[in-house]
């Protein structure tokens, strides 16, 4: 079992962020519509910093946001979780 796994259904897999997620998340976080509730979209370095912040929160707080994956393909399709 994946230690990063939070929850899996037939349609979705929720898991902890990994530093390797930056490539998949950068285009999503650069999209103005996706980031409409943030002050501005993120560039690649801001995305990397975001992922690093989530990793720190797992250690410090025991929880943070999660990646949503398509279990059939492993593609990152979003993020969610307790704020």
PDB file of N, CA and C in Angstrom:
ATOM      1  N   UNK A   1       0.836  -1.190   0.000  1.00  0.00           N
ATOM      2  CA  UNK A   1       0.000   0.000   0.000  1.00  0.00           C
ATOM      3  C   UNK A   1       0.875   1.246   0.000  1.00  0.00           C
ATOM      4  N   UNK A   2       0.479   2.241  -0.734  1.00  0.00           N
ATOM      5  CA  UNK A   2       1.184   3.508  -0.847  1.00  0.00           C
ATOM      6  C   UNK A   2       1.055   4.272   0.469  1.00  0.00           C
ATOM      7  N   UNK A   3       2.182   4.627   1.084  1.00  0.00           N
ATOM      8  CA  UNK A   3       2.157   5.366   2.347  1.00  0.00           C
ATOM      9  C   UNK A   3       1.538   6.745   2.203  1.00  0.00           C
ATOM     10  N   UNK A   4       1.531   7.301   0.977  1.00  0.00           N
ATOM     11  CA  UNK A   4       0.968   8.619   0.731  1.00  0.00           C
ATOM     12  C   UNK A   4      -0.545   8.581   0.518  1.00  0.00           C
ATOM     13  N   UNK A   5      -1.108   7.391   0.342  1.00  0.00           N
ATOM     14  CA  UNK A   5      -2.522   7.248   0.032  1.00  0.00           C
ATOM     15  C   UNK A   5      -3.394   7.663   1.213  1.00  0.00           C
ATOM     16  N   UNK A   6      -4.394   8.484   0.932  1.00  0.00           N
ATOM     17  CA  UNK A   6      -5.364   8.917   1.932  1.00  0.00           C
ATOM     18  C   UNK A   6      -6.670   8.161   1.747  1.00  0.00           C
ATOM     19  N   UNK A   7      -7.136   8.088   0.488  1.00  0.00           N
ATOM     20  CA  UNK A   7      -8.429   7.475   0.180  1.00  0.00           C
ATOM     21  C   UNK A   7      -8.440   7.093  -1.292  1.00  0.00           C
ATOM     22  N   UNK A   8      -9.049   5.955  -1.605  1.00  0.00           N
ATOM     23  CA  UNK A   8      -9.174   5.557  -3.006  1.00  0.00           C
ATOM     24  C   UNK A   8     -10.562   5.004  -3.251  1.00  0.00           C
ATOM     25  N   UNK A   9     -11.164   5.462  -4.354  1.00  0.00           N
ATOM     26  CA  UNK A   9     -12.435   4.923  -4.829  1.00  0.00           C
ATOM     27  C   UNK A   9     -12.195   4.417  -6.247  1.00  0.00           C
ATOM     28  N   UNK A  10     -13.235   3.945  -6.899  1.00  0.00           N
ATOM     29  CA  UNK A  10     -13.083   3.513  -8.285  1.00  0.00           C
ATOM     30  C   UNK A  10     -12.697   4.676  -9.192  1.00  0.00           C
ATOM     31  N   UNK A  11     -13.149   5.878  -8.853  1.00  0.00           N
ATOM     32  CA  UNK A  11     -12.960   7.027  -9.733  1.00  0.00           C
ATOM     33  C   UNK A  11     -11.845   7.976  -9.320  1.00  0.00           C
ATOM     34  N   UNK A  12     -11.483   8.000  -8.045  1.00  0.00           N
ATOM     35  CA  UNK A  12     -10.499   8.970  -7.562  1.00  0.00           C
ATOM     36  C   UNK A  12      -9.561   8.363  -6.539  1.00  0.00           C
ATOM     37  N   UNK A  13      -8.365   8.913  -6.508  1.00  0.00           N
ATOM     38  CA  UNK A  13      -7.390   8.558  -5.475  1.00  0.00           C
ATOM     39  C   UNK A  13      -6.914   9.869  -4.849  1.00  0.00           C
ATOM     40  N   UNK A  14      -7.014   9.977  -3.529  1.00  0.00           N
ATOM     41  CA  UNK A  14      -6.481  11.124  -2.802  1.00  0.00           C
ATOM     42  C   UNK A  14      -5.198  10.687  -2.127  1.00  0.00           C
ATOM     43  N   UNK A  15      -4.162  11.504  -2.278  1.00  0.00           N
ATOM     44  CA  UNK A  15      -2.884  11.169  -1.651  1.00  0.00           C
ATOM     45  C   UNK A  15      -2.149  12.440  -1.272  1.00  0.00           C
ATOM     46  N   UNK A  16      -1.140  12.271  -0.445  1.00  0.00           N
ATOM     47  CA  UNK A  16      -0.301  13.395  -0.053  1.00  0.00           C
ATOM     48  C   UNK A  16       0.487  13.903  -1.257  1.00  0.00           C
ATOM     49  N   UNK A  17       0.809  15.173  -1.195  1.00  0.00           N
ATOM     50  CA  UNK A  17       1.709  15.756  -2.192  1.00  0.00           C
ATOM     51  C   UNK A  17       3.071  15.080  -2.123  1.00  0.00           C
ATOM     52  N   UNK A  18       3.764  15.111  -3.261  1.00  0.00           N
ATOM     53  CA  UNK A  18       5.158  14.666  -3.368  1.00  0.00           C
ATOM     54  C   UNK A  18       5.908  15.752  -4.126  1.00  0.00           C
ATOM     55  N   UNK A  19       7.180  15.913  -3.856  1.00  0.00           N
ATOM     56  CA  UNK A  19       7.959  16.923  -4.563  1.00  0.00           C
ATOM     57  C   UNK A  19       7.925  16.679  -6.071  1.00  0.00           C
ATOM     58  N   UNK A  20       7.819  15.433  -6.469  1.00  0.00           N
ATOM     59  CA  UNK A  20       7.741  15.088  -7.888  1.00  0.00           C
ATOM     60  C   UNK A  20       6.456  15.536  -8.571  1.00  0.00           C
ATOM     61  N   UNK A  21       5.493  16.077  -7.826  1.00  0.00           N
ATOM     62  CA  UNK A  21       4.229  16.536  -8.405  1.00  0.00           C
ATOM     63  C   UNK A  21       4.342  17.898  -9.073  1.00  0.00           C
ATOM     64  N   UNK A  22       5.450  18.588  -8.891  1.00  0.00           N
ATOM     65  CA  UNK A  22       5.581  19.947  -9.422  1.00  0.00           C
ATOM     66  C   UNK A  22       5.310  19.986 -10.928  1.00  0.00           C
ATOM     67  N   UNK A  23       5.851  19.050 -11.695  1.00  0.00           N
ATOM     68  CA  UNK A  23       5.642  19.054 -13.155  1.00  0.00           C
ATOM     69  C   UNK A  23       4.165  18.949 -13.525  1.00  0.00           C
ATOM     70  N   UNK A  24       3.432  18.114 -12.827  1.00  0.00           N
ATOM     71  CA  UNK A  24       2.005  17.938 -13.127  1.00  0.00           C
ATOM     72  C   UNK A  24       1.176  19.120 -12.642  1.00  0.00           C
ATOM     73  N   UNK A  25       1.576  19.728 -11.532  1.00  0.00           N
ATOM     74  CA  UNK A  25       0.792  20.812 -10.950  1.00  0.00           C
ATOM     75  C   UNK A  25       1.082  22.173 -11.565  1.00  0.00           C
ATOM     76  N   UNK A  26       2.286  22.385 -12.079  1.00  0.00           N
ATOM     77  CA  UNK A  26       2.668  23.713 -12.584  1.00  0.00           C
ATOM     78  C   UNK A  26       1.692  24.262 -13.632  1.00  0.00           C
ATOM     79  N   UNK A  27       1.274  23.478 -14.642  1.00  0.00           N
ATOM     80  CA  UNK A  27       0.315  24.033 -15.607  1.00  0.00           C
ATOM     81  C   UNK A  27      -1.039  24.356 -14.966  1.00  0.00           C
ATOM     82  N   UNK A  28      -1.467  23.540 -14.036  1.00  0.00           N
ATOM     83  CA  UNK A  28      -2.738  23.767 -13.348  1.00  0.00           C
ATOM     84  C   UNK A  28      -2.678  25.048 -12.517  1.00  0.00           C
ATOM     85  N   UNK A  29      -1.589  25.212 -11.766  1.00  0.00           N
ATOM     86  CA  UNK A  29      -1.443  26.372 -10.892  1.00  0.00           C
ATOM     87  C   UNK A  29      -1.126  27.643 -11.677  1.00  0.00           C
ATOM     88  N   UNK A  30      -0.712  27.514 -12.923  1.00  0.00           N
ATOM     89  CA  UNK A  30      -0.463  28.677 -13.781  1.00  0.00           C
ATOM     90  C   UNK A  30      -1.735  29.158 -14.470  1.00  0.00           C
ATOM     91  N   UNK A  31      -2.802  28.371 -14.389  1.00  0.00           N
ATOM     92  CA  UNK A  31      -4.064  28.689 -15.054  1.00  0.00           C
ATOM     93  C   UNK A  31      -4.881  29.681 -14.218  1.00  0.00           C
ATOM     94  N   UNK A  32      -5.205  30.830 -14.798  1.00  0.00           N
ATOM     95  CA  UNK A  32      -5.918  31.887 -14.075  1.00  0.00           C
ATOM     96  C   UNK A  32      -7.280  31.426 -13.556  1.00  0.00           C
ATOM     97  N   UNK A  33      -8.006  30.655 -14.341  1.00  0.00           N
ATOM     98  CA  UNK A  33      -9.325  30.187 -13.896  1.00  0.00           C
ATOM     99  C   UNK A  33      -9.198  29.242 -12.705  1.00  0.00           C
ATOM    100  N   UNK A  34      -8.245  28.319 -12.776  1.00  0.00           N
ATOM    101  CA  UNK A  34      -8.029  27.389 -11.665  1.00  0.00           C
ATOM    102  C   UNK A  34      -7.642  28.142 -10.388  1.00  0.00           C
ATOM    103  N   UNK A  35      -6.882  29.205 -10.534  1.00  0.00           N
ATOM    104  CA  UNK A  35      -6.364  29.954  -9.382  1.00  0.00           C
ATOM    105  C   UNK A  35      -7.184  31.208  -9.085  1.00  0.00           C
ATOM    106  N   UNK A  36      -8.431  31.247  -9.506  1.00  0.00           N
ATOM    107  CA  UNK A  36      -9.249  32.453  -9.388  1.00  0.00           C
ATOM    108  C   UNK A  36      -9.451  32.930  -7.950  1.00  0.00           C
ATOM    109  N   UNK A  37      -9.310  32.074  -6.962  1.00  0.00           N
ATOM    110  CA  UNK A  37      -9.497  32.489  -5.572  1.00  0.00           C
ATOM    111  C   UNK A  37      -8.179  32.829  -4.882  1.00  0.00           C
ATOM    112  N   UNK A  38      -7.109  32.825  -5.639  1.00  0.00           N
ATOM    113  CA  UNK A  38      -5.790  33.229  -5.144  1.00  0.00           C
ATOM    114  C   UNK A  38      -5.468  34.595  -5.737  1.00  0.00           C
ATOM    115  N   UNK A  39      -4.547  35.325  -5.137  1.00  0.00           N
ATOM    116  CA  UNK A  39      -4.219  36.654  -5.682  1.00  0.00           C
ATOM    117  C   UNK A  39      -3.732  36.618  -7.130  1.00  0.00           C
ATOM    118  N   UNK A  40      -3.053  35.552  -7.519  1.00  0.00           N
ATOM    119  CA  UNK A  40      -2.549  35.427  -8.892  1.00  0.00           C
ATOM    120  C   UNK A  40      -2.152  33.977  -9.132  1.00  0.00           C
ATOM    121  N   UNK A  41      -2.109  33.568 -10.401  1.00  0.00           N
ATOM    122  CA  UNK A  41      -1.597  32.219 -10.713  1.00  0.00           C
ATOM    123  C   UNK A  41      -0.143  32.090 -10.248  1.00  0.00           C
ATOM    124  N   UNK A  42       0.302  30.855 -10.105  1.00  0.00           N
ATOM    125  CA  UNK A  42       1.662  30.572  -9.660  1.00  0.00           C
ATOM    126  C   UNK A  42       2.565  30.286 -10.854  1.00  0.00           C
ATOM    127  N   UNK A  43       3.822  30.725 -10.742  1.00  0.00           N
ATOM    128  CA  UNK A  43       4.827  30.261 -11.696  1.00  0.00           C
ATOM    129  C   UNK A  43       5.393  28.944 -11.150  1.00  0.00           C
ATOM    130  N   UNK A  44       6.348  28.370 -11.863  1.00  0.00           N
ATOM    131  CA  UNK A  44       6.889  27.060 -11.468  1.00  0.00           C
ATOM    132  C   UNK A  44       7.520  27.091 -10.073  1.00  0.00           C
ATOM    133  N   UNK A  45       8.263  28.131  -9.762  1.00  0.00           N
ATOM    134  CA  UNK A  45       8.909  28.219  -8.448  1.00  0.00           C
ATOM    135  C   UNK A  45       7.877  28.360  -7.327  1.00  0.00           C
ATOM    136  N   UNK A  46       6.814  29.112  -7.572  1.00  0.00           N
ATOM    137  CA  UNK A  46       5.745  29.239  -6.580  1.00  0.00           C
ATOM    138  C   UNK A  46       5.030  27.903  -6.393  1.00  0.00           C
ATOM    139  N   UNK A  47       4.868  27.157  -7.472  1.00  0.00           N
ATOM    140  CA  UNK A  47       4.267  25.825  -7.371  1.00  0.00           C
ATOM    141  C   UNK A  47       5.148  24.916  -6.527  1.00  0.00           C
ATOM    142  N   UNK A  48       6.450  24.949  -6.782  1.00  0.00           N
ATOM    143  CA  UNK A  48       7.393  24.141  -5.990  1.00  0.00           C
ATOM    144  C   UNK A  48       7.328  24.537  -4.515  1.00  0.00           C
ATOM    145  N   UNK A  49       7.278  25.822  -4.244  1.00  0.00           N
ATOM    146  CA  UNK A  49       7.179  26.308  -2.872  1.00  0.00           C
ATOM    147  C   UNK A  49       5.879  25.836  -2.216  1.00  0.00           C
ATOM    148  N   UNK A  50       4.787  25.850  -2.996  1.00  0.00           N
ATOM    149  CA  UNK A  50       3.490  25.386  -2.507  1.00  0.00           C
ATOM    150  C   UNK A  50       3.572  23.916  -2.072  1.00  0.00           C
ATOM    151  N   UNK A  51       4.169  23.100  -2.926  1.00  0.00           N
ATOM    152  CA  UNK A  51       4.325  21.676  -2.609  1.00  0.00           C
ATOM    153  C   UNK A  51       5.191  21.517  -1.358  1.00  0.00           C
ATOM    154  N   UNK A  52       6.296  22.249  -1.284  1.00  0.00           N
ATOM    155  CA  UNK A  52       7.167  22.180  -0.108  1.00  0.00           C
ATOM    156  C   UNK A  52       6.418  22.597   1.160  1.00  0.00           C
ATOM    157  N   UNK A  53       5.553  23.612   1.050  1.00  0.00           N
ATOM    158  CA  UNK A  53       4.734  24.029   2.201  1.00  0.00           C
ATOM    159  C   UNK A  53       3.809  22.900   2.655  1.00  0.00           C
ATOM    160  N   UNK A  54       3.221  22.187   1.700  1.00  0.00           N
ATOM    161  CA  UNK A  54       2.341  21.076   2.072  1.00  0.00           C
ATOM    162  C   UNK A  54       3.138  19.978   2.778  1.00  0.00           C
ATOM    163  N   UNK A  55       4.331  19.675   2.279  1.00  0.00           N
ATOM    164  CA  UNK A  55       5.176  18.660   2.909  1.00  0.00           C
ATOM    165  C   UNK A  55       5.537  19.068   4.340  1.00  0.00           C
ATOM    166  N   UNK A  56       5.829  20.349   4.546  1.00  0.00           N
ATOM    167  CA  UNK A  56       6.128  20.848   5.890  1.00  0.00           C
ATOM    168  C   UNK A  56       4.900  20.744   6.799  1.00  0.00           C
ATOM    169  N   UNK A  57       3.729  21.038   6.253  1.00  0.00           N
ATOM    170  CA  UNK A  57       2.499  20.944   7.050  1.00  0.00           C
ATOM    171  C   UNK A  57       2.210  19.509   7.481  1.00  0.00           C
ATOM    172  N   UNK A  58       2.488  18.526   6.607  1.00  0.00           N
ATOM    173  CA  UNK A  58       2.301  17.126   7.015  1.00  0.00           C
ATOM    174  C   UNK A  58       3.133  16.839   8.260  1.00  0.00           C
ATOM    175  N   UNK A  59       4.378  17.310   8.250  1.00  0.00           N
ATOM    176  CA  UNK A  59       5.273  17.072   9.390  1.00  0.00           C
ATOM    177  C   UNK A  59       4.841  17.859  10.622  1.00  0.00           C
ATOM    178  N   UNK A  60       4.550  19.139  10.429  1.00  0.00           N
ATOM    179  CA  UNK A  60       4.231  20.019  11.552  1.00  0.00           C
ATOM    180  C   UNK A  60       2.830  19.772  12.125  1.00  0.00           C
ATOM    181  N   UNK A  61       1.829  19.682  11.238  1.00  0.00           N
ATOM    182  CA  UNK A  61       0.435  19.645  11.675  1.00  0.00           C
ATOM    183  C   UNK A  61      -0.199  18.258  11.598  1.00  0.00           C
ATOM    184  N   UNK A  62       0.450  17.356  10.858  1.00  0.00           N
ATOM    185  CA  UNK A  62      -0.112  16.023  10.688  1.00  0.00           C
ATOM    186  C   UNK A  62      -1.107  15.922   9.542  1.00  0.00           C
ATOM    187  N   UNK A  63      -1.377  17.039   8.872  1.00  0.00           N
ATOM    188  CA  UNK A  63      -2.277  17.044   7.723  1.00  0.00           C
ATOM    189  C   UNK A  63      -1.971  18.268   6.859  1.00  0.00           C
ATOM    190  N   UNK A  64      -2.459  18.241   5.645  1.00  0.00           N
ATOM    191  CA  UNK A  64      -2.369  19.349   4.692  1.00  0.00           C
ATOM    192  C   UNK A  64      -3.290  19.001   3.532  1.00  0.00           C
ATOM    193  N   UNK A  65      -3.159  19.713   2.433  1.00  0.00           N
ATOM    194  CA  UNK A  65      -3.974  19.415   1.259  1.00  0.00           C
ATOM    195  C   UNK A  65      -3.474  18.150   0.570  1.00  0.00           C
ATOM    196  N   UNK A  66      -4.292  17.598  -0.320  1.00  0.00           N
ATOM    197  CA  UNK A  66      -3.969  16.350  -1.009  1.00  0.00           C
ATOM    198  C   UNK A  66      -4.063  16.525  -2.519  1.00  0.00           C
ATOM    199  N   UNK A  67      -3.396  15.655  -3.225  1.00  0.00           N
ATOM    200  CA  UNK A  67      -3.492  15.552  -4.673  1.00  0.00           C
ATOM    201  C   UNK A  67      -4.653  14.609  -5.000  1.00  0.00           C
ATOM    202  N   UNK A  68      -5.396  14.949  -6.042  1.00  0.00           N
ATOM    203  CA  UNK A  68      -6.433  14.058  -6.562  1.00  0.00           C
ATOM    204  C   UNK A  68      -5.890  13.451  -7.848  1.00  0.00           C
ATOM    205  N   UNK A  69      -5.877  12.124  -7.923  1.00  0.00           N
ATOM    206  CA  UNK A  69      -5.402  11.404  -9.101  1.00  0.00           C
ATOM    207  C   UNK A  69      -6.517  10.567  -9.699  1.00  0.00           C
ATOM    208  N   UNK A  70      -6.417  10.354 -10.987  1.00  0.00           N
ATOM    209  CA  UNK A  70      -7.243   9.371 -11.674  1.00  0.00           C
ATOM    210  C   UNK A  70      -6.567   8.016 -11.447  1.00  0.00           C
ATOM    211  N   UNK A  71      -7.201   7.077 -10.734  1.00  0.00           N
ATOM    212  CA  UNK A  71      -6.529   5.814 -10.445  1.00  0.00           C
ATOM    213  C   UNK A  71      -6.244   4.972 -11.684  1.00  0.00           C
ATOM    214  N   UNK A  72      -6.991   5.173 -12.744  1.00  0.00           N
ATOM    215  CA  UNK A  72      -6.763   4.391 -13.964  1.00  0.00           C
ATOM    216  C   UNK A  72      -5.485   4.834 -14.689  1.00  0.00           C
ATOM    217  N   UNK A  73      -5.178   6.139 -14.618  1.00  0.00           N
ATOM    218  CA  UNK A  73      -4.040   6.667 -15.377  1.00  0.00           C
ATOM    219  C   UNK A  73      -2.920   7.203 -14.483  1.00  0.00           C
ATOM    220  N   UNK A  74      -3.248   7.521 -13.241  1.00  0.00           N
ATOM    221  CA  UNK A  74      -2.266   8.157 -12.359  1.00  0.00           C
ATOM    222  C   UNK A  74      -2.131   9.645 -12.607  1.00  0.00           C
ATOM    223  N   UNK A  75      -2.939  10.201 -13.524  1.00  0.00           N
ATOM    224  CA  UNK A  75      -2.858  11.623 -13.837  1.00  0.00           C
ATOM    225  C   UNK A  75      -3.377  12.466 -12.675  1.00  0.00           C
ATOM    226  N   UNK A  76      -2.682  13.554 -12.389  1.00  0.00           N
ATOM    227  CA  UNK A  76      -3.127  14.521 -11.380  1.00  0.00           C
ATOM    228  C   UNK A  76      -4.265  15.319 -11.983  1.00  0.00           C
ATOM    229  N   UNK A  77      -5.423  15.331 -11.302  1.00  0.00           N
ATOM    230  CA  UNK A  77      -6.586  16.041 -11.825  1.00  0.00           C
ATOM    231  C   UNK A  77      -7.035  17.186 -10.927  1.00  0.00           C
ATOM    232  N   UNK A  78      -6.408  17.348  -9.759  1.00  0.00           N
ATOM    233  CA  UNK A  78      -6.778  18.440  -8.881  1.00  0.00           C
ATOM    234  C   UNK A  78      -6.157  18.300  -7.516  1.00  0.00           C
ATOM    235  N   UNK A  79      -6.638  19.146  -6.614  1.00  0.00           N
ATOM    236  CA  UNK A  79      -6.203  19.132  -5.221  1.00  0.00           C
ATOM    237  C   UNK A  79      -7.423  19.352  -4.340  1.00  0.00           C
ATOM    238  N   UNK A  80      -7.319  18.915  -3.102  1.00  0.00           N
ATOM    239  CA  UNK A  80      -8.422  19.106  -2.155  1.00  0.00           C
ATOM    240  C   UNK A  80      -7.902  18.843  -0.758  1.00  0.00           C
ATOM    241  N   UNK A  81      -8.770  18.978   0.214  1.00  0.00           N
ATOM    242  CA  UNK A  81      -8.419  18.599   1.565  1.00  0.00           C
ATOM    243  C   UNK A  81      -8.760  19.649   2.589  1.00  0.00           C
ATOM    244  N   UNK A  82      -8.469  19.340   3.834  1.00  0.00           N
ATOM    245  CA  UNK A  82      -8.724  20.298   4.901  1.00  0.00           C
ATOM    246  C   UNK A  82      -7.777  21.476   4.788  1.00  0.00           C
ATOM    247  N   UNK A  83      -8.275  22.636   4.991  1.00  0.00           N
ATOM    248  CA  UNK A  83      -7.426  23.832   4.873  1.00  0.00           C
ATOM    249  C   UNK A  83      -6.754  24.152   6.195  1.00  0.00           C
TER     250      UNK A  83
END
